[in-house]
Amino acid sequence: MEYRSLGRTGVMVSPLCLGAMNFGGATSEEDSFKILDAALDGGINFIDTANVYHAGESERIVGKGLKLNGKRQQVVLATKVYNAMGTGPNDRGVSRFHIIQAVDDSLRRLQTDHIDLYQLHRPSFSVPHDEILRAMDDLVKQGKVRYIGSSTYPAWKIMEGLAVSEKYNLARYVCEQPPYNLLDRRIENELVPLCQQNGIGLIPWSPIGGGILGGRYPKGQPLPEGSRAAEMPMMAARVNERAQQITEKVQEIAQQRDLSAGQMALLWVKEQPGITAPITGPRTLGHLQEALHIIDKKLDEADRKAIDELNPPGSVVADFFNSSGWMKMKVG
């Protein structure tokens, strides 16, 4: 299997990253362990979680699972900081105060002495970038963190961070985690070229559009009871007629390759220029096995062209930046 460098670090990661957002929520601890073990057996060596996922339960389960299987040192382990972890005014955000407190909490839940990739879950437009990066740099120097990254940042904010790092000789962003799928291709306009030019890895979230591209929300049918779109207005806003039409076309393309629509959508993201490893966040062992099926496959150029005709490069038909708070473009 092809392993890829995480940005310019030389750290080699699998072309799929296991996302643990469901662990401790829709996925029980026992089933999470099965998914974790199967992912590692299937060649995945890159795991992503966040302190906010189920109030720390995801981190706790990942840490316990790696302790039980003894494979912590074989894994590039990533987590994130930003969202509220308590009711106090300093229990959130990316102040030095909160970052230093949060990393120790994450290390305890993960049962590890270091985090391989510590990511800022969302950008701050009020805390100076040097304040944030000085705190992250201290964590790197202390050995608590190996590398740092960002998530759902605008391109200009990453460039600002790179400039601050260079000016003050601070730890540098090695990767960005943006929303990216064939329904929302806006990162291709500025973010992808920026990251390619500066040696920054890209580990996209929601590569199958929160299930839309997997056929979870068929056209003309009500939202399935218990689905994320049925329970989350932000997700429901992404389920529009155009997205459903594209999913039907992707299914037709996928069938010609003996793939599901979800597999084709995941493969497409994995094989896009500049991408290091899309994050697959399985709820069940079956979901993981479906994703692993494409881990070593390549995208046919005819399929790439056909998909480009459905939603051209840089374009958007469903808004996956509607959780960012900074993207102002209206979709639809």
Protein backbone atom coordinates (compact mmCIF):
# COMPACT_ATOMS: atom_id res chain seq x y z
CA MET A 1 0.00 0.00 0.00
CA GLU A 2 1.14 3.53 -0.76
CA TYR A 3 1.94 5.64 2.31
CA ARG A 4 2.14 9.39 1.98
CA SER A 5 4.21 12.07 3.66
CA LEU A 6 2.31 14.24 6.15
CA GLY A 7 3.10 17.58 4.59
CA ARG A 8 6.83 18.12 4.42
CA THR A 9 7.52 16.27 7.70
CA GLY A 10 8.56 12.94 6.20
CA VAL A 11 6.17 11.17 8.59
CA MET A 12 4.44 8.51 6.50
CA VAL A 13 0.71 8.02 6.92
CA SER A 14 -1.86 5.77 5.28
CA PRO A 15 -3.92 7.30 2.43
CA LEU A 16 -7.00 6.99 4.63
CA CYS A 17 -7.27 8.39 8.15
CA LEU A 18 -9.57 6.77 10.72
CA GLY A 19 -11.89 9.39 12.18
CA ALA A 20 -13.15 8.58 15.67
CA MET A 21 -16.00 11.08 15.94
CA ASN A 22 -18.59 8.30 16.36
CA PHE A 23 -16.67 6.57 19.15
CA GLY A 24 -18.52 6.99 22.42
CA GLY A 25 -21.62 8.27 20.64
CA ALA A 26 -23.37 6.29 17.93
CA THR A 27 -20.66 3.62 18.25
CA SER A 28 -20.28 1.76 21.54
CA GLU A 29 -16.93 1.25 23.22
CA GLU A 30 -16.89 -2.44 22.27
CA ASP A 31 -17.67 -1.76 18.62
CA SER A 32 -15.16 1.10 18.58
CA PHE A 33 -12.41 -1.29 19.65
CA LYS A 34 -13.36 -3.66 16.81
CA ILE A 35 -13.24 -0.81 14.29
CA LEU A 36 -9.92 0.44 15.64
CA ASP A 37 -8.31 -3.00 15.48
CA ALA A 38 -9.68 -3.72 12.00
CA ALA A 39 -8.44 -0.34 10.72
CA LEU A 40 -4.91 -1.02 11.96
CA ASP A 41 -5.00 -4.55 10.54
CA GLY A 42 -6.18 -3.06 7.22
CA GLY A 43 -3.14 -0.80 6.92
CA ILE A 44 -4.41 2.46 8.46
CA ASN A 45 -1.84 4.03 10.78
CA PHE A 46 -3.40 7.48 11.12
CA ILE A 47 -6.15 8.21 13.67
CA ASP A 48 -7.97 11.51 14.18
CA THR A 49 -10.17 12.52 17.10
CA ALA A 50 -10.90 15.70 19.10
CA ASN A 51 -11.39 16.55 22.75
CA VAL A 52 -14.93 17.78 22.08
CA TYR A 53 -16.17 14.53 20.53
CA HIS A 54 -18.73 13.25 23.03
CA ALA A 55 -17.19 15.31 25.83
CA GLY A 56 -13.89 13.45 25.71
CA GLU A 57 -15.32 9.94 25.33
CA SER A 58 -13.86 9.51 21.85
CA GLU A 59 -10.36 10.32 23.09
CA ARG A 60 -10.81 8.02 26.08
CA ILE A 61 -11.91 5.09 23.90
CA VAL A 62 -9.11 5.62 21.38
CA GLY A 63 -6.58 5.74 24.20
CA LYS A 64 -7.97 2.64 25.89
CA GLY A 65 -8.15 0.76 22.58
CA LEU A 66 -4.52 1.50 21.74
CA LYS A 67 -3.52 0.47 25.26
CA LEU A 68 -5.33 -2.85 24.90
CA ASN A 69 -3.90 -3.71 21.48
CA GLY A 70 -0.44 -2.38 22.28
CA LYS A 71 -0.15 -0.50 19.00
CA ARG A 72 0.19 3.10 20.17
CA GLN A 73 3.72 3.44 18.80
CA GLN A 74 2.59 2.24 15.35
CA VAL A 75 0.03 5.03 15.05
CA VAL A 76 0.16 8.70 14.08
CA LEU A 77 -2.34 10.00 16.63
CA ALA A 78 -4.11 13.31 16.06
CA THR A 79 -6.53 15.28 18.18
CA LYS A 80 -7.86 18.82 18.34
CA VAL A 81 -8.52 21.76 20.67
CA TYR A 82 -10.90 24.73 20.46
CA ASN A 83 -14.48 23.88 21.43
CA ALA A 84 -16.01 24.24 24.88
CA MET A 85 -15.03 21.53 27.38
CA GLY A 86 -16.69 23.18 30.36
CA THR A 87 -18.95 26.04 31.36
CA GLY A 88 -16.27 28.57 32.26
CA PRO A 89 -15.22 31.41 29.95
CA ASN A 90 -11.71 29.95 29.63
CA ASP A 91 -12.82 26.36 29.02
CA ARG A 92 -12.81 26.95 25.27
CA GLY A 93 -10.98 28.69 22.46
CA VAL A 94 -7.29 28.88 21.60
CA SER A 95 -5.87 31.12 24.28
CA ARG A 96 -2.58 30.00 25.79
CA PHE A 97 -4.52 29.40 29.01
CA HIS A 98 -6.92 26.93 27.41
CA ILE A 99 -4.47 25.20 25.06
CA ILE A 100 -2.09 24.27 27.88
CA GLN A 101 -4.94 23.01 30.06
CA ALA A 102 -6.61 21.11 27.21
CA VAL A 103 -3.50 19.27 26.03
CA ASP A 104 -2.92 17.76 29.47
CA ASP A 105 -6.56 16.64 29.61
CA SER A 106 -6.25 15.04 26.15
CA LEU A 107 -2.99 13.28 27.06
CA ARG A 108 -4.66 11.79 30.12
CA ARG A 109 -7.70 10.54 28.19
CA LEU A 110 -5.53 9.17 25.37
CA GLN A 111 -3.21 7.43 27.87
CA THR A 112 -0.12 8.66 26.06
CA ASP A 113 2.83 10.92 26.80
CA HIS A 114 2.61 12.76 23.49
CA ILE A 115 0.21 13.71 20.69
CA ASP A 116 1.64 13.28 17.22
CA LEU A 117 -0.53 15.95 15.59
CA TYR A 118 -2.27 18.62 17.68
CA GLN A 119 -4.74 20.66 15.65
CA LEU A 120 -6.60 23.91 16.23
CA HIS A 121 -10.19 22.82 15.57
CA ARG A 122 -11.36 26.20 14.27
CA PRO A 123 -9.66 29.57 13.64
CA SER A 124 -9.79 32.41 16.12
CA PHE A 125 -10.17 35.94 14.81
CA SER A 126 -9.65 37.58 18.20
CA VAL A 127 -6.62 35.83 19.69
CA PRO A 128 -3.36 37.00 18.03
CA HIS A 129 -1.68 34.32 15.98
CA ASP A 130 1.63 34.72 17.81
CA GLU A 131 -0.14 34.03 21.13
CA ILE A 132 -1.54 30.78 19.74
CA LEU A 133 1.65 29.62 18.05
CA ARG A 134 3.87 30.44 21.03
CA ALA A 135 1.70 28.14 23.15
CA MET A 136 1.79 25.39 20.51
CA ASP A 137 5.56 25.83 20.10
CA ASP A 138 6.05 25.38 23.84
CA LEU A 139 4.11 22.10 23.68
CA VAL A 140 6.39 20.89 20.88
CA LYS A 141 9.52 21.86 22.84
CA GLN A 142 8.16 20.09 25.94
CA GLY A 143 7.63 16.90 23.93
CA LYS A 144 3.89 16.82 24.55
CA VAL A 145 3.19 17.45 20.86
CA ARG A 146 5.20 16.40 17.80
CA TYR A 147 3.51 18.49 15.07
CA ILE A 148 0.75 21.09 14.85
CA GLY A 149 -2.04 21.68 12.37
CA SER A 150 -5.29 23.52 11.76
CA SER A 151 -8.85 22.63 10.81
CA THR A 152 -11.39 24.48 8.67
CA TYR A 153 -9.18 27.55 8.30
CA PRO A 154 -9.44 30.07 5.46
CA ALA A 155 -6.37 30.03 3.23
CA TRP A 156 -5.32 33.53 4.31
CA LYS A 157 -5.33 32.49 7.97
CA ILE A 158 -2.96 29.61 7.28
CA MET A 159 -0.67 31.94 5.34
CA GLU A 160 -0.73 34.34 8.27
CA GLY A 161 0.28 31.50 10.57
CA LEU A 162 3.16 30.53 8.31
CA ALA A 163 4.39 34.12 8.31
CA VAL A 164 4.19 34.37 12.11
CA SER A 165 6.03 31.05 12.49
CA GLU A 166 8.81 32.23 10.21
CA LYS A 167 9.10 35.63 11.86
CA TYR A 168 9.38 34.30 15.40
CA ASN A 169 10.91 30.87 14.63
CA LEU A 170 7.90 29.01 16.04
CA ALA A 171 6.40 25.61 15.27
CA ARG A 172 4.83 25.59 11.82
CA TYR A 173 1.53 24.19 10.61
CA VAL A 174 2.18 20.87 8.85
CA CYS A 175 -1.39 20.15 7.76
CA GLU A 176 -4.91 21.51 7.42
CA GLN A 177 -8.17 19.59 7.89
CA PRO A 178 -10.88 21.15 5.65
CA PRO A 179 -14.31 19.97 4.56
CA TYR A 180 -13.93 18.56 1.06
CA ASN A 181 -16.00 16.34 -1.18
CA LEU A 182 -17.28 16.43 -4.74
CA LEU A 183 -20.28 18.50 -3.62
CA ASP A 184 -18.12 21.26 -2.13
CA ARG A 185 -14.88 21.83 -4.02
CA ARG A 186 -14.12 25.38 -2.93
CA ILE A 187 -10.78 24.51 -1.32
CA GLU A 188 -9.42 23.91 -4.82
CA ASN A 189 -9.52 27.65 -5.54
CA GLU A 190 -6.99 28.87 -2.94
CA LEU A 191 -6.37 26.40 -0.13
CA VAL A 192 -5.07 23.47 -2.19
CA PRO A 193 -2.56 25.57 -4.18
CA LEU A 194 -1.40 27.26 -0.97
CA CYS A 195 -0.82 23.93 0.75
CA GLN A 196 0.93 22.41 -2.25
CA GLN A 197 3.21 25.44 -2.54
CA ASN A 198 4.14 25.40 1.16
CA GLY A 199 4.36 21.69 1.90
CA ILE A 200 1.20 21.45 4.01
CA GLY A 201 -0.74 18.20 4.09
CA LEU A 202 -4.52 18.06 3.60
CA ILE A 203 -6.66 15.60 5.57
CA PRO A 204 -10.24 16.38 4.51
CA TRP A 205 -13.27 15.72 6.65
CA SER A 206 -16.67 14.63 5.29
CA PRO A 207 -15.33 13.07 2.06
CA ILE A 208 -18.67 11.35 1.37
CA GLY A 209 -20.68 14.40 2.35
CA GLY A 210 -21.97 13.16 5.68
CA GLY A 211 -23.58 10.21 3.93
CA ILE A 212 -25.21 12.20 1.13
CA LEU A 213 -22.83 10.75 -1.46
CA GLY A 214 -23.35 7.31 0.00
CA GLY A 215 -27.06 7.47 -0.84
CA ARG A 216 -28.25 8.05 2.73
CA TYR A 217 -30.75 10.67 1.57
CA PRO A 218 -32.52 9.57 -1.64
CA LYS A 219 -34.37 12.16 -3.68
CA GLY A 220 -38.09 12.44 -3.02
CA GLN A 221 -37.95 10.66 0.36
CA PRO A 222 -38.18 12.12 3.87
CA LEU A 223 -35.01 12.39 5.93
CA PRO A 224 -34.42 9.02 7.67
CA GLU A 225 -35.41 9.01 11.32
CA GLY A 226 -32.33 9.23 13.55
CA SER A 227 -30.07 10.45 10.74
CA ARG A 228 -27.83 13.47 11.25
CA ALA A 229 -29.81 15.49 8.72
CA ALA A 230 -33.03 14.72 10.60
CA GLU A 231 -31.51 15.92 13.86
CA MET A 232 -29.12 18.68 12.77
CA PRO A 233 -30.38 21.67 10.76
CA MET A 234 -26.81 22.38 9.63
CA MET A 235 -26.62 18.93 8.02
CA ALA A 236 -30.16 19.11 6.66
CA ALA A 237 -29.24 22.31 4.80
CA ARG A 238 -26.66 20.32 2.83
CA VAL A 239 -29.22 17.81 1.57
CA ASN A 240 -30.57 19.60 -1.48
CA GLU A 241 -31.97 18.39 -4.77
CA ARG A 242 -28.81 19.13 -6.75
CA ALA A 243 -26.68 17.14 -4.30
CA GLN A 244 -29.09 14.22 -4.56
CA GLN A 245 -29.03 14.36 -8.36
CA ILE A 246 -25.22 14.27 -8.37
CA THR A 247 -25.27 11.30 -6.00
CA GLU A 248 -27.44 9.38 -8.47
CA LYS A 249 -24.94 10.10 -11.26
CA VAL A 250 -22.02 9.07 -9.07
CA GLN A 251 -23.81 5.80 -8.38
CA GLU A 252 -23.98 5.14 -12.12
CA ILE A 253 -20.26 5.82 -12.52
CA ALA A 254 -19.43 3.69 -9.48
CA GLN A 255 -21.45 0.69 -10.68
CA GLN A 256 -19.26 0.47 -13.78
CA ARG A 257 -16.28 -0.09 -11.44
CA ASP A 258 -18.10 -2.46 -9.03
CA LEU A 259 -18.04 0.22 -6.35
CA SER A 260 -20.72 1.89 -4.27
CA ALA A 261 -21.36 5.61 -4.64
CA GLY A 262 -19.75 6.17 -1.23
CA GLN A 263 -16.64 4.26 -2.23
CA MET A 264 -16.34 6.24 -5.45
CA ALA A 265 -16.75 9.53 -3.57
CA LEU A 266 -14.07 8.54 -1.03
CA LEU A 267 -11.73 7.32 -3.77
CA TRP A 268 -12.20 10.58 -5.66
CA VAL A 269 -11.12 12.65 -2.65
CA LYS A 270 -8.18 10.34 -1.89
CA GLU A 271 -6.87 10.74 -5.43
CA GLN A 272 -7.29 14.52 -5.77
CA PRO A 273 -4.12 16.65 -6.12
CA GLY A 274 -2.64 17.79 -2.81
CA ILE A 275 -4.64 15.39 -0.64
CA THR A 276 -2.77 13.40 2.00
CA ALA A 277 -5.55 11.29 3.52
CA PRO A 278 -9.32 11.82 3.69
CA ILE A 279 -10.86 11.07 7.07
CA THR A 280 -13.30 8.16 7.08
CA GLY A 281 -15.49 8.19 10.18
CA PRO A 282 -17.24 4.80 10.32
CA ARG A 283 -20.17 4.19 12.62
CA THR A 284 -20.02 0.41 12.10
CA LEU A 285 -17.42 -2.19 11.22
CA GLY A 286 -19.19 -2.60 7.88
CA HIS A 287 -18.68 1.08 7.10
CA LEU A 288 -14.95 0.70 7.78
CA GLN A 289 -14.67 -2.39 5.59
CA GLU A 290 -16.37 -0.54 2.75
CA ALA A 291 -13.81 2.27 3.05
CA LEU A 292 -10.84 -0.11 3.28
CA HIS A 293 -11.88 -1.61 -0.05
CA ILE A 294 -10.56 1.47 -1.89
CA ILE A 295 -7.46 2.17 0.22
CA ASP A 296 -5.07 0.95 -2.48
CA LYS A 297 -7.18 1.73 -5.56
CA LYS A 298 -6.51 4.45 -8.11
CA LEU A 299 -9.05 6.71 -9.82
CA ASP A 300 -9.57 6.15 -13.52
CA GLU A 301 -9.00 9.37 -15.48
CA ALA A 302 -12.25 8.82 -17.37
CA ASP A 303 -14.07 8.76 -14.04
CA ARG A 304 -12.29 11.92 -12.91
CA LYS A 305 -13.46 13.70 -16.06
CA ALA A 306 -17.02 12.43 -15.66
CA ILE A 307 -17.17 13.65 -12.06
CA ASP A 308 -15.74 17.04 -13.05
CA GLU A 309 -18.69 17.41 -15.42
CA LEU A 310 -21.13 16.86 -12.53
CA ASN A 311 -19.61 19.59 -10.36
CA PRO A 312 -16.69 21.46 -11.95
CA PRO A 313 -13.41 22.15 -10.11
CA GLY A 314 -13.71 24.84 -7.44
CA SER A 315 -17.52 24.74 -7.45
CA VAL A 316 -20.08 24.03 -4.76
CA VAL A 317 -23.62 22.61 -4.68
CA ALA A 318 -23.88 21.84 -0.93
CA ASP A 319 -22.36 24.00 1.81
CA PHE A 320 -19.93 22.08 4.01
CA PHE A 321 -18.41 25.28 5.37
CA ASN A 322 -21.65 26.18 7.15
CA SER A 323 -20.06 25.07 10.43
CA SER A 324 -17.12 27.43 10.02
CA GLY A 325 -18.64 30.75 11.00
CA TRP A 326 -16.46 32.63 8.52
CA MET A 327 -17.52 31.47 5.05
CA LYS A 328 -19.97 34.10 3.74
CA MET A 329 -20.78 32.61 0.34
CA LYS A 330 -24.41 31.59 -0.04
CA VAL A 331 -24.98 28.24 -1.73
CA GLY A 332 -28.05 27.55 -3.85
